[in-house]
Amino acid sequence: MPLLPDPPPALPAAPRAFYDELRALLIELAPADLDHANVEVDFGDAGVAVTLPHARQPDWTLAAQVSLRAAVVFAGPDSAHFDDRDPAWTSAAVACIAEVLRGEREVAVAHRDRAFWRVPRTETVRITFGARR
């Protein structure tokens, strides 16, 4: 059974291609650390927005906004942009999400150690949702 609901019949081709591929990916990878109860999907404005929260790390939320001609994938504080200049842009956006779910994408995170006047230190982390490889 799919984790995400069925899309509306009027969802345009590009957002539908992204969404269908994402649904299949989530079934295939079965990310153990995905907070299933708090997954959000919003169909509107001829596109789709999906939020995939992490079960234990709230800062590691994974999200995507997909319109008729572009997509943005958010992985914690990082983002990746895709558009229709690449014929496979919807698949590239889903591939980016797959990398994060499997812990294959590095993300730079700045810390201020609870004091806003300190120079932030940056470390690289691998956000992972414990997905199958």
Protein backbone atom coordinates (compact mmCIF):
# COMPACT_ATOMS: atom_id res chain seq x y z
CA MET A 1 0.00 0.00 0.00
CA PRO A 2 1.44 3.43 -0.92
CA LEU A 3 2.50 5.77 1.85
CA LEU A 4 1.26 8.77 -0.11
CA PRO A 5 -2.36 9.28 -1.19
CA ASP A 6 -3.52 9.00 -4.78
CA PRO A 7 -3.06 12.22 -6.76
CA PRO A 8 -6.08 14.12 -8.05
CA PRO A 9 -7.04 13.35 -11.67
CA ALA A 10 -6.37 16.96 -12.72
CA LEU A 11 -2.72 16.98 -11.55
CA PRO A 12 -0.66 18.11 -14.59
CA ALA A 13 1.86 15.82 -16.28
CA ALA A 14 5.15 17.01 -14.76
CA PRO A 15 4.01 17.12 -11.11
CA ARG A 16 2.24 13.78 -11.66
CA ALA A 17 5.42 12.19 -13.07
CA PHE A 18 7.36 13.40 -10.03
CA TYR A 19 4.69 12.27 -7.59
CA ASP A 20 4.20 8.83 -9.13
CA GLU A 21 7.95 8.22 -9.12
CA LEU A 22 8.23 9.44 -5.51
CA ARG A 23 5.43 7.11 -4.39
CA ALA A 24 7.19 4.15 -6.00
CA LEU A 25 10.52 5.19 -4.46
CA LEU A 26 9.10 5.33 -0.94
CA ILE A 27 7.67 1.83 -1.33
CA GLU A 28 10.97 0.52 -2.71
CA LEU A 29 13.27 2.13 -0.12
CA ALA A 30 10.96 1.77 2.92
CA PRO A 31 12.76 4.48 4.95
CA ALA A 32 12.72 3.27 8.57
CA ASP A 33 13.25 6.74 10.06
CA LEU A 34 10.46 8.48 8.18
CA ASP A 35 7.77 9.90 10.48
CA HIS A 36 4.85 8.36 8.60
CA ALA A 37 2.19 9.94 10.81
CA ASN A 38 3.35 13.46 9.97
CA VAL A 39 3.96 13.19 6.23
CA GLU A 40 2.20 16.05 4.43
CA VAL A 41 1.02 16.26 0.82
CA ASP A 42 -0.58 19.35 -0.69
CA PHE A 43 -1.97 19.41 -4.21
CA GLY A 44 -2.63 22.92 -5.38
CA ASP A 45 -1.73 25.60 -7.89
CA ALA A 46 -1.17 22.94 -10.58
CA GLY A 47 1.60 21.26 -8.56
CA VAL A 48 2.40 19.28 -5.45
CA ALA A 49 4.25 19.90 -2.20
CA VAL A 50 5.45 16.96 -0.12
CA THR A 51 6.97 17.07 3.37
CA LEU A 52 8.75 13.98 4.69
CA PRO A 53 9.71 14.53 8.35
CA HIS A 54 12.41 12.53 10.08
CA ALA A 55 11.20 10.41 13.01
CA ARG A 56 13.96 11.47 15.44
CA GLN A 57 15.69 14.53 13.95
CA PRO A 58 13.20 17.38 13.33
CA ASP A 59 15.88 19.47 11.58
CA TRP A 60 16.29 16.74 8.96
CA THR A 61 12.94 17.26 7.29
CA LEU A 62 12.95 16.43 3.60
CA ALA A 63 10.54 18.35 1.37
CA ALA A 64 9.82 19.08 -2.28
CA GLN A 65 7.77 21.64 -4.13
CA VAL A 66 6.99 20.76 -7.73
CA SER A 67 5.25 22.97 -10.28
CA LEU A 68 4.62 22.67 -14.01
CA ARG A 69 8.21 23.52 -14.94
CA ALA A 70 10.42 23.37 -11.87
CA ALA A 71 11.08 21.64 -8.55
CA VAL A 72 12.94 22.47 -5.37
CA VAL A 73 14.03 19.74 -2.97
CA PHE A 74 14.85 20.77 0.60
CA ALA A 75 17.04 18.55 2.78
CA GLY A 76 17.40 20.19 6.17
CA PRO A 77 19.10 23.54 5.49
CA ASP A 78 20.16 22.57 1.97
CA SER A 79 18.19 22.86 -1.27
CA ALA A 80 18.51 21.65 -4.85
CA HIS A 81 16.74 23.19 -7.85
CA PHE A 82 15.55 21.42 -10.99
CA ASP A 83 13.74 22.76 -14.06
CA ASP A 84 12.52 21.89 -17.52
CA ARG A 85 15.80 22.81 -19.21
CA ASP A 86 16.71 19.20 -18.35
CA PRO A 87 14.22 16.82 -20.00
CA ALA A 88 14.51 14.44 -17.02
CA TRP A 89 14.11 17.11 -14.34
CA THR A 90 11.31 15.37 -12.43
CA SER A 91 13.34 12.15 -12.21
CA ALA A 92 16.42 14.13 -11.14
CA ALA A 93 14.42 15.65 -8.27
CA VAL A 94 13.29 12.19 -7.15
CA ALA A 95 16.88 10.91 -7.43
CA CYS A 96 17.97 13.73 -5.13
CA ILE A 97 15.36 12.65 -2.58
CA ALA A 98 16.58 9.05 -2.89
CA GLU A 99 20.15 10.16 -2.10
CA VAL A 100 18.98 11.84 1.09
CA LEU A 101 16.82 8.90 2.17
CA ARG A 102 19.82 6.57 1.76
CA GLY A 103 22.29 8.92 3.47
CA GLU A 104 24.31 9.54 0.31
CA ARG A 105 24.06 13.35 0.21
CA GLU A 106 26.25 15.55 2.38
CA VAL A 107 24.71 18.68 3.90
CA ALA A 108 26.64 21.56 5.49
CA VAL A 109 25.14 22.62 8.81
CA ALA A 110 26.15 25.79 10.70
CA HIS A 111 26.06 25.84 14.51
CA ARG A 112 26.29 28.87 16.80
CA ASP A 113 26.43 26.99 20.10
CA ARG A 114 23.39 28.86 21.47
CA ALA A 115 25.05 32.25 21.18
CA PHE A 116 24.15 34.39 18.18
CA TRP A 117 27.32 36.52 18.39
CA ARG A 118 29.72 33.61 17.99
CA VAL A 119 31.11 32.81 14.60
CA PRO A 120 29.24 29.76 13.41
CA ARG A 121 31.11 26.52 12.99
CA THR A 122 30.14 24.40 10.05
CA GLU A 123 30.12 20.67 9.89
CA THR A 124 29.09 18.30 7.16
CA VAL A 125 26.48 15.69 8.01
CA ARG A 126 24.76 12.98 6.06
CA ILE A 127 21.05 13.16 6.61
CA THR A 128 19.70 9.64 6.45
CA PHE A 129 16.27 8.11 6.81
CA GLY A 130 17.55 4.54 7.10
CA ALA A 131 16.32 3.60 3.62
CA ARG A 132 17.29 0.42 1.84
CA ARG A 133 20.13 0.69 -0.65
